C-alpha cells in the first residue's frame, strides 16, 4: 500500500533533510494538483525531497521522471518502479522523456536553487563561507570551472559578466581587483577570490556582495539561464491541458524568465494576440503574484528567504483578453 500524503510527510521531511531540505514543499505539491495516475517530472532532483513528496501522492499507475546533472544526486536515487532518474541537465528534458516513451506530462516541478548538499561540500566551491577549489560546476564530469573564468577573461569581459549575471553595482571595480590579484598569482580557491575583492565589500553587506559574485560565476560556468530558457519552453510544449508548471526561483534573473512564461507563454515575455485580441498563450498563471516562504519556514531554513514560487497551468484555448 502506498503512503497517504498526510502520514508520509513527516517521515519524508526527516529523510530528505539529510541531503537537502526542500523549500516551499507543501506549496509545490499543492501547486502541482497531482493526479494519482498522472505522469510528472521533477526537473531538479537534488536529494529527492520534492520527488518523494510527489510519489506519496501517486497511485500504482502514476509515474515520476526526475533529472539531475550532478553525479552526487545519483546516490540519492529512489528504488521505486514508478520512478526514473536521468543524470542529465533539464535542458534535455523533452528528448529524454521521449526516449522513455513519454510525450506529454501532467506536471513539471523545478527548484532552481543550489542544494544544501552542494553548499556544504567545500570541494565544490559553491559556498562563500568555506575555502575550497574555485569550481562551481553542477556537473563535475567536464566543462569550464570558475577558476578558468576568473583567470582568463579580460577586465571588460569580467565586468560584463559580474554586471549582467551578478547584478553587482561595483562590477568594474571588482573585475579590476580580480585582474590585479591574478597578475601576481592565479586565483584557484574561493578564499583567494574573496581576498582579491575584500576591500570592495560594503561593510555589513559583505555576504550579500559575495553571493552576487559567486552567482555570476556559477551562472556562466553552468550556462544556467540558457538552460532555463530551453527547459521552460519545452515544459509548455510537454504539458497536457490543465497540467501544471511549478518553479521556484532564487534571484531576479531566473524569476523574470519564469514570470514571462507564466504570463505570456514564452521566455521573451512578448504578449502575442490574434486578430480578435485573444492572447495567444498556452499557459496561464494560477497565482497573480509569486509565493514566498512563511517567516516560520525562513527561520527553520534560511535558504528559503529569497525563494519565489510561481505556478502556471496549461490551457487548451487562447486566453481571452479582459
C-alpha atoms as a PDB file:
ATOM      1  CA  UNK A   1       0.000   0.000   0.000  1.00  0.00           C
ATOM      2  CA  UNK A   2       1.299   3.467  -0.908  1.00  0.00           C
ATOM      3  CA  UNK A   3       1.650   6.055   1.849  1.00  0.00           C
ATOM      4  CA  UNK A   4      -1.012   8.721   2.117  1.00  0.00           C
ATOM      5  CA  UNK A   5       0.240  12.292   1.830  1.00  0.00           C
ATOM      6  CA  UNK A   6      -0.660  13.094   5.449  1.00  0.00           C
ATOM      7  CA  UNK A   7       1.075  10.103   7.007  1.00  0.00           C
ATOM      8  CA  UNK A   8       4.110  10.279   4.719  1.00  0.00           C
ATOM      9  CA  UNK A   9       5.059  13.949   5.002  1.00  0.00           C
ATOM     10  CA  UNK A  10       6.823  13.987   8.430  1.00  0.00           C
ATOM     11  CA  UNK A  11       8.937  10.950   7.532  1.00  0.00           C
ATOM     12  CA  UNK A  12       9.690  12.372   4.096  1.00  0.00           C
ATOM     13  CA  UNK A  13      10.892  15.669   5.538  1.00  0.00           C
ATOM     14  CA  UNK A  14      13.184  13.933   8.052  1.00  0.00           C
ATOM     15  CA  UNK A  15      14.800  11.726   5.406  1.00  0.00           C
ATOM     16  CA  UNK A  16      15.330  14.391   2.750  1.00  0.00           C
ATOM     17  CA  UNK A  17      16.813  16.857   5.247  1.00  0.00           C
ATOM     18  CA  UNK A  18      19.889  14.622   5.418  1.00  0.00           C
ATOM     19  CA  UNK A  19      20.803  15.813   1.898  1.00  0.00           C
ATOM     20  CA  UNK A  20      18.684  18.870   1.304  1.00  0.00           C
ATOM     21  CA  UNK A  21      15.723  20.499   2.997  1.00  0.00           C
ATOM     22  CA  UNK A  22      13.290  21.297   0.155  1.00  0.00           C
ATOM     23  CA  UNK A  23      11.887  24.800   0.047  1.00  0.00           C
ATOM     24  CA  UNK A  24       8.122  25.509  -0.108  1.00  0.00           C
ATOM     25  CA  UNK A  25       7.434  21.776  -0.158  1.00  0.00           C
ATOM     26  CA  UNK A  26       3.728  21.831   0.662  1.00  0.00           C
ATOM     27  CA  UNK A  27       3.083  24.774  -1.667  1.00  0.00           C
ATOM     28  CA  UNK A  28       4.826  22.973  -4.535  1.00  0.00           C
ATOM     29  CA  UNK A  29       2.908  19.742  -4.048  1.00  0.00           C
ATOM     30  CA  UNK A  30      -0.423  21.544  -3.798  1.00  0.00           C
ATOM     31  CA  UNK A  31       0.502  23.626  -6.842  1.00  0.00           C
ATOM     32  CA  UNK A  32       1.059  20.522  -8.951  1.00  0.00           C
ATOM     33  CA  UNK A  33      -2.548  19.382  -8.297  1.00  0.00           C
ATOM     34  CA  UNK A  34      -1.324  15.791  -8.564  1.00  0.00           C
ATOM     35  CA  UNK A  35      -3.492  13.137 -10.191  1.00  0.00           C
ATOM     36  CA  UNK A  36      -2.762   9.660  -8.743  1.00  0.00           C
ATOM     37  CA  UNK A  37      -2.383   8.092 -12.198  1.00  0.00           C
ATOM     38  CA  UNK A  38      -0.583  11.038 -13.758  1.00  0.00           C
ATOM     39  CA  UNK A  39       2.918  11.482 -15.192  1.00  0.00           C
ATOM     40  CA  UNK A  40       5.171  14.048 -13.505  1.00  0.00           C
ATOM     41  CA  UNK A  41       8.666  15.492 -13.864  1.00  0.00           C
ATOM     42  CA  UNK A  42      10.998  16.720 -11.126  1.00  0.00           C
ATOM     43  CA  UNK A  43      13.451  18.710 -13.234  1.00  0.00           C
ATOM     44  CA  UNK A  44      15.861  19.298 -10.321  1.00  0.00           C
ATOM     45  CA  UNK A  45      16.027  16.101  -8.270  1.00  0.00           C
ATOM     46  CA  UNK A  46      18.814  17.005  -5.804  1.00  0.00           C
ATOM     47  CA  UNK A  47      18.278  14.933  -2.674  1.00  0.00           C
ATOM     48  CA  UNK A  48      14.852  13.800  -3.836  1.00  0.00           C
ATOM     49  CA  UNK A  49      12.804  15.760  -1.302  1.00  0.00           C
ATOM     50  CA  UNK A  50      10.205  17.043  -3.745  1.00  0.00           C
ATOM     51  CA  UNK A  51      10.226  13.733  -5.637  1.00  0.00           C
ATOM     52  CA  UNK A  52       9.418  11.725  -2.533  1.00  0.00           C
ATOM     53  CA  UNK A  53       6.508  14.007  -1.773  1.00  0.00           C
ATOM     54  CA  UNK A  54       5.207  13.636  -5.339  1.00  0.00           C
ATOM     55  CA  UNK A  55       5.465   9.850  -5.147  1.00  0.00           C
ATOM     56  CA  UNK A  56       3.493   9.878  -1.892  1.00  0.00           C
ATOM     57  CA  UNK A  57       0.562  11.291  -3.892  1.00  0.00           C
ATOM     58  CA  UNK A  58       0.842   8.896  -6.850  1.00  0.00           C
ATOM     59  CA  UNK A  59      -1.002   5.612  -7.207  1.00  0.00           C
ATOM     60  CA  UNK A  60       0.333   2.401  -8.739  1.00  0.00           C
ATOM     61  CA  UNK A  61      -0.309   3.689 -12.256  1.00  0.00           C
ATOM     62  CA  UNK A  62       1.455   7.012 -11.700  1.00  0.00           C
ATOM     63  CA  UNK A  63       4.931   7.823 -12.969  1.00  0.00           C
ATOM     64  CA  UNK A  64       7.676  10.247 -11.977  1.00  0.00           C
ATOM     65  CA  UNK A  65      10.763  11.101 -14.031  1.00  0.00           C
ATOM     66  CA  UNK A  66      13.488  13.202 -12.416  1.00  0.00           C
ATOM     67  CA  UNK A  67      16.516  14.989 -13.860  1.00  0.00           C
ATOM     68  CA  UNK A  68      19.793  15.997 -12.212  1.00  0.00           C
ATOM     69  CA  UNK A  69      23.183  16.540 -13.841  1.00  0.00           C
ATOM     70  CA  UNK A  70      25.052  16.369 -10.518  1.00  0.00           C
ATOM     71  CA  UNK A  71      26.629  12.891 -10.125  1.00  0.00           C
ATOM     72  CA  UNK A  72      26.176  13.183  -6.338  1.00  0.00           C
ATOM     73  CA  UNK A  73      22.411  13.095  -6.825  1.00  0.00           C
ATOM     74  CA  UNK A  74      22.649   9.571  -8.222  1.00  0.00           C
ATOM     75  CA  UNK A  75      23.442   8.323  -4.723  1.00  0.00           C
ATOM     76  CA  UNK A  76      20.016   9.518  -3.572  1.00  0.00           C
ATOM     77  CA  UNK A  77      18.057   7.702  -6.289  1.00  0.00           C
ATOM     78  CA  UNK A  78      14.900   6.006  -5.027  1.00  0.00           C
ATOM     79  CA  UNK A  79      14.082   2.346  -5.532  1.00  0.00           C
ATOM     80  CA  UNK A  80      10.527   2.575  -6.834  1.00  0.00           C
ATOM     81  CA  UNK A  81       9.105   1.068 -10.002  1.00  0.00           C
ATOM     82  CA  UNK A  82       7.204   4.285 -10.685  1.00  0.00           C
ATOM     83  CA  UNK A  83      10.396   6.371 -10.617  1.00  0.00           C
ATOM     84  CA  UNK A  84      13.159   7.061 -13.156  1.00  0.00           C
ATOM     85  CA  UNK A  85      16.204   9.285 -12.517  1.00  0.00           C
ATOM     86  CA  UNK A  86      18.003  10.671 -15.564  1.00  0.00           C
ATOM     87  CA  UNK A  87      21.502  12.058 -14.973  1.00  0.00           C
ATOM     88  CA  UNK A  88      21.262  14.944 -17.440  1.00  0.00           C
ATOM     89  CA  UNK A  89      20.643  18.692 -17.447  1.00  0.00           C
ATOM     90  CA  UNK A  90      16.964  19.597 -17.632  1.00  0.00           C
ATOM     91  CA  UNK A  91      17.630  21.424 -20.888  1.00  0.00           C
ATOM     92  CA  UNK A  92      17.433  17.936 -22.469  1.00  0.00           C
ATOM     93  CA  UNK A  93      14.112  17.131 -20.808  1.00  0.00           C
ATOM     94  CA  UNK A  94      11.987  16.696 -23.927  1.00  0.00           C
ATOM     95  CA  UNK A  95      14.464  14.415 -25.678  1.00  0.00           C
ATOM     96  CA  UNK A  96      14.987  12.098 -22.716  1.00  0.00           C
ATOM     97  CA  UNK A  97      11.295  11.907 -21.935  1.00  0.00           C
ATOM     98  CA  UNK A  98      10.692  10.761 -25.484  1.00  0.00           C
ATOM     99  CA  UNK A  99      13.422   8.136 -25.110  1.00  0.00           C
ATOM    100  CA  UNK A 100      11.404   6.868 -22.153  1.00  0.00           C
ATOM    101  CA  UNK A 101       8.186   6.779 -24.164  1.00  0.00           C
ATOM    102  CA  UNK A 102       6.712   9.985 -22.716  1.00  0.00           C
ATOM    103  CA  UNK A 103       5.369  12.758 -24.944  1.00  0.00           C
ATOM    104  CA  UNK A 104       3.005  14.515 -22.533  1.00  0.00           C
ATOM    105  CA  UNK A 105       3.057  15.057 -18.770  1.00  0.00           C
ATOM    106  CA  UNK A 106       0.631  16.256 -16.114  1.00  0.00           C
ATOM    107  CA  UNK A 107       3.050  18.379 -14.156  1.00  0.00           C
ATOM    108  CA  UNK A 108       6.618  19.687 -14.023  1.00  0.00           C
ATOM    109  CA  UNK A 109       8.434  20.938 -10.927  1.00  0.00           C
ATOM    110  CA  UNK A 110      11.773  22.790 -10.862  1.00  0.00           C
ATOM    111  CA  UNK A 111      13.620  24.120  -7.805  1.00  0.00           C
ATOM    112  CA  UNK A 112      16.354  26.278  -9.349  1.00  0.00           C
ATOM    113  CA  UNK A 113      18.498  26.806  -6.263  1.00  0.00           C
ATOM    114  CA  UNK A 114      21.807  25.273  -5.245  1.00  0.00           C
ATOM    115  CA  UNK A 115      21.175  22.361  -2.880  1.00  0.00           C
ATOM    116  CA  UNK A 116      22.239  22.376   0.756  1.00  0.00           C
ATOM    117  CA  UNK A 117      24.485  19.418  -0.014  1.00  0.00           C
ATOM    118  CA  UNK A 118      26.356  21.361  -2.694  1.00  0.00           C
ATOM    119  CA  UNK A 119      26.722  24.395  -0.448  1.00  0.00           C
ATOM    120  CA  UNK A 120      28.027  22.301   2.441  1.00  0.00           C
ATOM    121  CA  UNK A 121      30.624  20.495   0.310  1.00  0.00           C
ATOM    122  CA  UNK A 122      33.696  22.761   0.354  1.00  0.00           C
ATOM    123  CA  UNK A 123      35.192  20.781  -2.522  1.00  0.00           C
ATOM    124  CA  UNK A 124      32.521  22.045  -4.918  1.00  0.00           C
ATOM    125  CA  UNK A 125      33.276  25.733  -4.339  1.00  0.00           C
ATOM    126  CA  UNK A 126      29.655  26.898  -4.080  1.00  0.00           C
ATOM    127  CA  UNK A 127      29.894  28.242  -0.546  1.00  0.00           C
ATOM    128  CA  UNK A 128      31.177  31.715   0.284  1.00  0.00           C
ATOM    129  CA  UNK A 129      31.760  30.537   3.867  1.00  0.00           C
ATOM    130  CA  UNK A 130      34.305  27.752   3.311  1.00  0.00           C
ATOM    131  CA  UNK A 131      37.577  27.612   1.425  1.00  0.00           C
ATOM    132  CA  UNK A 132      37.749  25.185  -1.463  1.00  0.00           C
ATOM    133  CA  UNK A 133      38.581  24.834  -5.155  1.00  0.00           C
ATOM    134  CA  UNK A 134      37.084  27.581  -7.310  1.00  0.00           C
ATOM    135  CA  UNK A 135      34.964  25.100  -9.255  1.00  0.00           C
ATOM    136  CA  UNK A 136      31.193  25.865  -9.194  1.00  0.00           C
ATOM    137  CA  UNK A 137      30.272  23.205 -11.751  1.00  0.00           C
ATOM    138  CA  UNK A 138      26.923  21.477 -11.250  1.00  0.00           C
ATOM    139  CA  UNK A 139      28.147  18.637 -13.459  1.00  0.00           C
ATOM    140  CA  UNK A 140      31.674  17.775 -12.348  1.00  0.00           C
ATOM    141  CA  UNK A 141      32.241  15.410 -15.274  1.00  0.00           C
ATOM    142  CA  UNK A 142      33.537  18.185 -17.514  1.00  0.00           C
ATOM    143  CA  UNK A 143      33.316  21.800 -18.595  1.00  0.00           C
ATOM    144  CA  UNK A 144      34.920  25.081 -17.611  1.00  0.00           C
ATOM    145  CA  UNK A 145      35.482  25.876 -13.935  1.00  0.00           C
ATOM    146  CA  UNK A 146      35.099  29.243 -12.224  1.00  0.00           C
ATOM    147  CA  UNK A 147      38.883  29.340 -11.750  1.00  0.00           C
ATOM    148  CA  UNK A 148      39.337  29.241 -15.507  1.00  0.00           C
ATOM    149  CA  UNK A 149      36.942  32.154 -15.911  1.00  0.00           C
ATOM    150  CA  UNK A 150      38.472  34.480 -13.330  1.00  0.00           C
ATOM    151  CA  UNK A 151      41.989  33.768 -14.591  1.00  0.00           C
ATOM    152  CA  UNK A 152      41.385  34.084 -18.341  1.00  0.00           C
ATOM    153  CA  UNK A 153      38.624  36.644 -19.013  1.00  0.00           C
ATOM    154  CA  UNK A 154      39.868  40.152 -19.691  1.00  0.00           C
ATOM    155  CA  UNK A 155      38.689  43.010 -17.485  1.00  0.00           C
ATOM    156  CA  UNK A 156      35.938  44.108 -19.869  1.00  0.00           C
ATOM    157  CA  UNK A 157      34.533  40.583 -20.213  1.00  0.00           C
ATOM    158  CA  UNK A 158      34.698  40.020 -16.473  1.00  0.00           C
ATOM    159  CA  UNK A 159      32.953  43.339 -15.798  1.00  0.00           C
ATOM    160  CA  UNK A 160      30.099  42.417 -18.145  1.00  0.00           C
ATOM    161  CA  UNK A 161      29.768  39.003 -16.506  1.00  0.00           C
ATOM    162  CA  UNK A 162      29.596  40.428 -12.977  1.00  0.00           C
ATOM    163  CA  UNK A 163      27.194  43.174 -14.014  1.00  0.00           C
ATOM    164  CA  UNK A 164      24.825  41.037 -16.107  1.00  0.00           C
ATOM    165  CA  UNK A 165      24.725  37.855 -14.034  1.00  0.00           C
ATOM    166  CA  UNK A 166      25.629  39.103 -10.560  1.00  0.00           C
ATOM    167  CA  UNK A 167      23.910  42.482 -10.833  1.00  0.00           C
ATOM    168  CA  UNK A 168      26.829  43.942  -8.884  1.00  0.00           C
ATOM    169  CA  UNK A 169      26.783  47.756  -8.718  1.00  0.00           C
ATOM    170  CA  UNK A 170      30.593  47.840  -8.490  1.00  0.00           C
ATOM    171  CA  UNK A 171      31.196  45.237 -11.205  1.00  0.00           C
ATOM    172  CA  UNK A 172      34.042  47.156 -12.865  1.00  0.00           C
ATOM    173  CA  UNK A 173      35.927  47.710  -9.608  1.00  0.00           C
ATOM    174  CA  UNK A 174      35.540  44.033  -8.714  1.00  0.00           C
ATOM    175  CA  UNK A 175      36.737  42.894 -12.124  1.00  0.00           C
ATOM    176  CA  UNK A 176      39.761  45.195 -11.949  1.00  0.00           C
ATOM    177  CA  UNK A 177      40.614  43.920  -8.453  1.00  0.00           C
ATOM    178  CA  UNK A 178      40.429  40.313  -9.663  1.00  0.00           C
ATOM    179  CA  UNK A 179      42.667  41.054 -12.649  1.00  0.00           C
ATOM    180  CA  UNK A 180      45.208  42.813 -10.414  1.00  0.00           C
ATOM    181  CA  UNK A 181      45.304  39.923  -7.947  1.00  0.00           C
ATOM    182  CA  UNK A 182      45.653  37.198 -10.579  1.00  0.00           C
ATOM    183  CA  UNK A 183      48.587  39.043 -12.163  1.00  0.00           C
ATOM    184  CA  UNK A 184      50.573  38.165  -9.030  1.00  0.00           C
ATOM    185  CA  UNK A 185      49.198  34.655  -8.559  1.00  0.00           C
ATOM    186  CA  UNK A 186      46.373  32.669 -10.240  1.00  0.00           C
ATOM    187  CA  UNK A 187      43.184  32.629  -8.201  1.00  0.00           C
ATOM    188  CA  UNK A 188      42.452  28.930  -7.652  1.00  0.00           C
ATOM    189  CA  UNK A 189      40.399  28.847  -4.438  1.00  0.00           C
ATOM    190  CA  UNK A 190      37.309  30.543  -3.084  1.00  0.00           C
ATOM    191  CA  UNK A 191      39.372  32.149  -0.307  1.00  0.00           C
ATOM    192  CA  UNK A 192      41.812  33.668  -2.811  1.00  0.00           C
ATOM    193  CA  UNK A 193      38.897  35.160  -4.753  1.00  0.00           C
ATOM    194  CA  UNK A 194      37.347  36.586  -1.586  1.00  0.00           C
ATOM    195  CA  UNK A 195      40.654  38.132  -0.552  1.00  0.00           C
ATOM    196  CA  UNK A 196      41.039  39.718  -4.009  1.00  0.00           C
ATOM    197  CA  UNK A 197      37.765  41.656  -3.637  1.00  0.00           C
ATOM    198  CA  UNK A 198      37.689  42.063   0.161  1.00  0.00           C
ATOM    199  CA  UNK A 199      38.282  45.837   0.168  1.00  0.00           C
ATOM    200  CA  UNK A 200      35.309  46.341  -2.187  1.00  0.00           C
ATOM    201  CA  UNK A 201      32.737  44.618   0.024  1.00  0.00           C
ATOM    202  CA  UNK A 202      30.484  47.212   1.723  1.00  0.00           C
ATOM    203  CA  UNK A 203      30.540  46.985   5.492  1.00  0.00           C
ATOM    204  CA  UNK A 204      27.591  44.975   6.756  1.00  0.00           C
ATOM    205  CA  UNK A 205      26.816  43.677   3.253  1.00  0.00           C
ATOM    206  CA  UNK A 206      29.880  41.528   2.679  1.00  0.00           C
ATOM    207  CA  UNK A 207      27.956  38.272   2.388  1.00  0.00           C
ATOM    208  CA  UNK A 208      25.416  39.803   0.008  1.00  0.00           C
ATOM    209  CA  UNK A 209      28.080  41.040  -2.399  1.00  0.00           C
ATOM    210  CA  UNK A 210      29.999  37.759  -2.228  1.00  0.00           C
ATOM    211  CA  UNK A 211      26.800  35.869  -3.008  1.00  0.00           C
ATOM    212  CA  UNK A 212      26.249  38.083  -6.054  1.00  0.00           C
ATOM    213  CA  UNK A 213      29.833  37.489  -7.198  1.00  0.00           C
ATOM    214  CA  UNK A 214      29.553  33.719  -6.837  1.00  0.00           C
ATOM    215  CA  UNK A 215      26.131  33.770  -8.502  1.00  0.00           C
ATOM    216  CA  UNK A 216      27.562  35.452 -11.581  1.00  0.00           C
ATOM    217  CA  UNK A 217      30.346  32.902 -11.915  1.00  0.00           C
ATOM    218  CA  UNK A 218      28.021  29.947 -11.276  1.00  0.00           C
ATOM    219  CA  UNK A 219      25.521  31.095 -13.907  1.00  0.00           C
ATOM    220  CA  UNK A 220      28.272  31.423 -16.521  1.00  0.00           C
ATOM    221  CA  UNK A 221      30.029  28.173 -15.624  1.00  0.00           C
ATOM    222  CA  UNK A 222      26.814  26.158 -15.904  1.00  0.00           C
ATOM    223  CA  UNK A 223      25.057  28.088 -18.680  1.00  0.00           C
ATOM    224  CA  UNK A 224      22.120  28.334 -16.296  1.00  0.00           C
ATOM    225  CA  UNK A 225      19.974  30.990 -17.950  1.00  0.00           C
ATOM    226  CA  UNK A 226      20.136  29.442 -21.410  1.00  0.00           C
ATOM    227  CA  UNK A 227      19.351  26.014 -19.935  1.00  0.00           C
ATOM    228  CA  UNK A 228      16.405  27.514 -18.053  1.00  0.00           C
ATOM    229  CA  UNK A 229      15.048  29.132 -21.215  1.00  0.00           C
ATOM    230  CA  UNK A 230      15.191  25.796 -23.018  1.00  0.00           C
ATOM    231  CA  UNK A 231      13.568  23.913 -20.152  1.00  0.00           C
ATOM    232  CA  UNK A 232      10.713  26.412 -19.760  1.00  0.00           C
ATOM    233  CA  UNK A 233       9.983  26.399 -23.495  1.00  0.00           C
ATOM    234  CA  UNK A 234       9.926  22.597 -23.538  1.00  0.00           C
ATOM    235  CA  UNK A 235       7.779  22.475 -20.401  1.00  0.00           C
ATOM    236  CA  UNK A 236       4.983  24.473 -22.027  1.00  0.00           C
ATOM    237  CA  UNK A 237       5.058  22.094 -25.005  1.00  0.00           C
ATOM    238  CA  UNK A 238       5.095  18.936 -22.869  1.00  0.00           C
ATOM    239  CA  UNK A 239       2.219  19.745 -20.518  1.00  0.00           C
ATOM    240  CA  UNK A 240      -1.223  18.317 -21.159  1.00  0.00           C
ATOM    241  CA  UNK A 241      -4.213  20.690 -20.904  1.00  0.00           C
ATOM    242  CA  UNK A 242      -4.700  21.537 -17.201  1.00  0.00           C
ATOM    243  CA  UNK A 243      -1.151  20.333 -16.490  1.00  0.00           C
ATOM    244  CA  UNK A 244       0.835  22.426 -14.004  1.00  0.00           C
ATOM    245  CA  UNK A 245       4.262  24.069 -14.187  1.00  0.00           C
ATOM    246  CA  UNK A 246       5.706  24.813 -10.719  1.00  0.00           C
ATOM    247  CA  UNK A 247       9.015  26.691 -10.478  1.00  0.00           C
ATOM    248  CA  UNK A 248      10.999  28.086  -7.538  1.00  0.00           C
ATOM    249  CA  UNK A 249      13.468  30.853  -8.445  1.00  0.00           C
ATOM    250  CA  UNK A 250      16.017  32.493  -6.135  1.00  0.00           C
ATOM    251  CA  UNK A 251      17.138  35.621  -7.966  1.00  0.00           C
ATOM    252  CA  UNK A 252      15.613  38.159 -10.333  1.00  0.00           C
ATOM    253  CA  UNK A 253      17.257  36.824 -13.499  1.00  0.00           C
ATOM    254  CA  UNK A 254      15.612  33.416 -13.074  1.00  0.00           C
ATOM    255  CA  UNK A 255      12.338  34.779 -11.764  1.00  0.00           C
ATOM    256  CA  UNK A 256      11.981  37.162 -14.701  1.00  0.00           C
ATOM    257  CA  UNK A 257      12.139  34.295 -17.208  1.00  0.00           C
ATOM    258  CA  UNK A 258       9.674  32.219 -15.195  1.00  0.00           C
ATOM    259  CA  UNK A 259       7.285  35.177 -14.889  1.00  0.00           C
ATOM    260  CA  UNK A 260       7.465  35.803 -18.628  1.00  0.00           C
ATOM    261  CA  UNK A 261       6.488  32.212 -19.394  1.00  0.00           C
ATOM    262  CA  UNK A 262       3.641  32.199 -16.891  1.00  0.00           C
ATOM    263  CA  UNK A 263       2.209  35.462 -18.254  1.00  0.00           C
ATOM    264  CA  UNK A 264       2.852  35.175 -21.988  1.00  0.00           C
ATOM    265  CA  UNK A 265       3.813  31.568 -22.750  1.00  0.00           C
ATOM    266  CA  UNK A 266       7.315  32.482 -23.927  1.00  0.00           C
ATOM    267  CA  UNK A 267      10.629  33.358 -22.269  1.00  0.00           C
ATOM    268  CA  UNK A 268      10.876  36.660 -24.149  1.00  0.00           C
ATOM    269  CA  UNK A 269       7.785  37.979 -22.379  1.00  0.00           C
ATOM    270  CA  UNK A 270       6.194  39.018 -25.675  1.00  0.00           C
ATOM    271  CA  UNK A 271       2.418  39.319 -25.403  1.00  0.00           C
ATOM    272  CA  UNK A 272       1.057  37.851 -28.632  1.00  0.00           C
ATOM    273  CA  UNK A 273      -2.529  38.342 -29.771  1.00  0.00           C
ATOM    274  CA  UNK A 274      -4.614  37.192 -32.695  1.00  0.00           C
ATOM    275  CA  UNK A 275      -6.700  39.428 -34.942  1.00  0.00           C
ATOM    276  CA  UNK A 276      -9.568  39.437 -32.430  1.00  0.00           C
ATOM    277  CA  UNK A 277      -7.430  40.397 -29.441  1.00  0.00           C
ATOM    278  CA  UNK A 278      -7.164  36.948 -27.908  1.00  0.00           C
ATOM    279  CA  UNK A 279      -3.876  36.393 -26.075  1.00  0.00           C
ATOM    280  CA  UNK A 280      -2.010  33.580 -27.810  1.00  0.00           C
ATOM    281  CA  UNK A 281      -0.549  31.799 -24.811  1.00  0.00           C
ATOM    282  CA  UNK A 282      -0.641  28.108 -23.965  1.00  0.00           C
ATOM    283  CA  UNK A 283      -0.295  28.744 -20.236  1.00  0.00           C
ATOM    284  CA  UNK A 284      -1.861  30.975 -17.620  1.00  0.00           C
ATOM    285  CA  UNK A 285      -0.653  31.918 -14.139  1.00  0.00           C
ATOM    286  CA  UNK A 286      -2.551  30.198 -11.334  1.00  0.00           C
ATOM    287  CA  UNK A 287      -1.499  32.883  -8.825  1.00  0.00           C
ATOM    288  CA  UNK A 288      -1.112  36.539  -9.769  1.00  0.00           C
ATOM    289  CA  UNK A 289       1.931  37.003  -7.535  1.00  0.00           C
ATOM    290  CA  UNK A 290       4.875  34.826  -6.629  1.00  0.00           C
ATOM    291  CA  UNK A 291       4.524  32.813  -3.416  1.00  0.00           C
ATOM    292  CA  UNK A 292       7.167  33.446  -0.747  1.00  0.00           C
ATOM    293  CA  UNK A 293       8.137  31.274   2.196  1.00  0.00           C
ATOM    294  CA  UNK A 294       6.479  31.967   5.536  1.00  0.00           C
ATOM    295  CA  UNK A 295       8.525  33.585   8.327  1.00  0.00           C
ATOM    296  CA  UNK A 296       8.396  30.238  10.125  1.00  0.00           C
ATOM    297  CA  UNK A 297       9.949  28.398   7.181  1.00  0.00           C
ATOM    298  CA  UNK A 298      12.655  31.042   6.738  1.00  0.00           C
ATOM    299  CA  UNK A 299      13.503  30.758  10.433  1.00  0.00           C
ATOM    300  CA  UNK A 300      13.854  26.984  10.065  1.00  0.00           C
ATOM    301  CA  UNK A 301      15.591  27.093   6.673  1.00  0.00           C
ATOM    302  CA  UNK A 302      17.427  30.321   5.821  1.00  0.00           C
ATOM    303  CA  UNK A 303      17.787  29.224   2.200  1.00  0.00           C
ATOM    304  CA  UNK A 304      14.051  29.867   1.763  1.00  0.00           C
ATOM    305  CA  UNK A 305      14.379  33.622   2.344  1.00  0.00           C
ATOM    306  CA  UNK A 306      14.860  34.504  -1.339  1.00  0.00           C
ATOM    307  CA  UNK A 307      12.648  31.769  -2.824  1.00  0.00           C
ATOM    308  CA  UNK A 308       9.832  32.823  -5.142  1.00  0.00           C
ATOM    309  CA  UNK A 309       7.354  30.192  -6.321  1.00  0.00           C
ATOM    310  CA  UNK A 310       5.263  30.619  -9.457  1.00  0.00           C
ATOM    311  CA  UNK A 311       2.603  28.240 -10.736  1.00  0.00           C
ATOM    312  CA  UNK A 312       1.200  28.044 -14.258  1.00  0.00           C
ATOM    313  CA  UNK A 313      -1.471  25.882 -15.887  1.00  0.00           C
ATOM    314  CA  UNK A 314      -1.621  24.696 -19.489  1.00  0.00           C
ATOM    315  CA  UNK A 315      -4.713  25.881 -21.360  1.00  0.00           C
ATOM    316  CA  UNK A 316      -6.370  24.269 -24.365  1.00  0.00           C
ATOM    317  CA  UNK A 317      -7.703  27.524 -25.853  1.00  0.00           C
ATOM    318  CA  UNK A 318      -6.151  31.018 -26.193  1.00  0.00           C
ATOM    319  CA  UNK A 319      -6.678  33.160 -23.099  1.00  0.00           C
ATOM    320  CA  UNK A 320      -9.298  35.880 -23.668  1.00  0.00           C
ATOM    321  CA  UNK A 321      -8.459  39.496 -23.006  1.00  0.00           C
ATOM    322  CA  UNK A 322     -10.428  41.219 -20.241  1.00  0.00           C
END
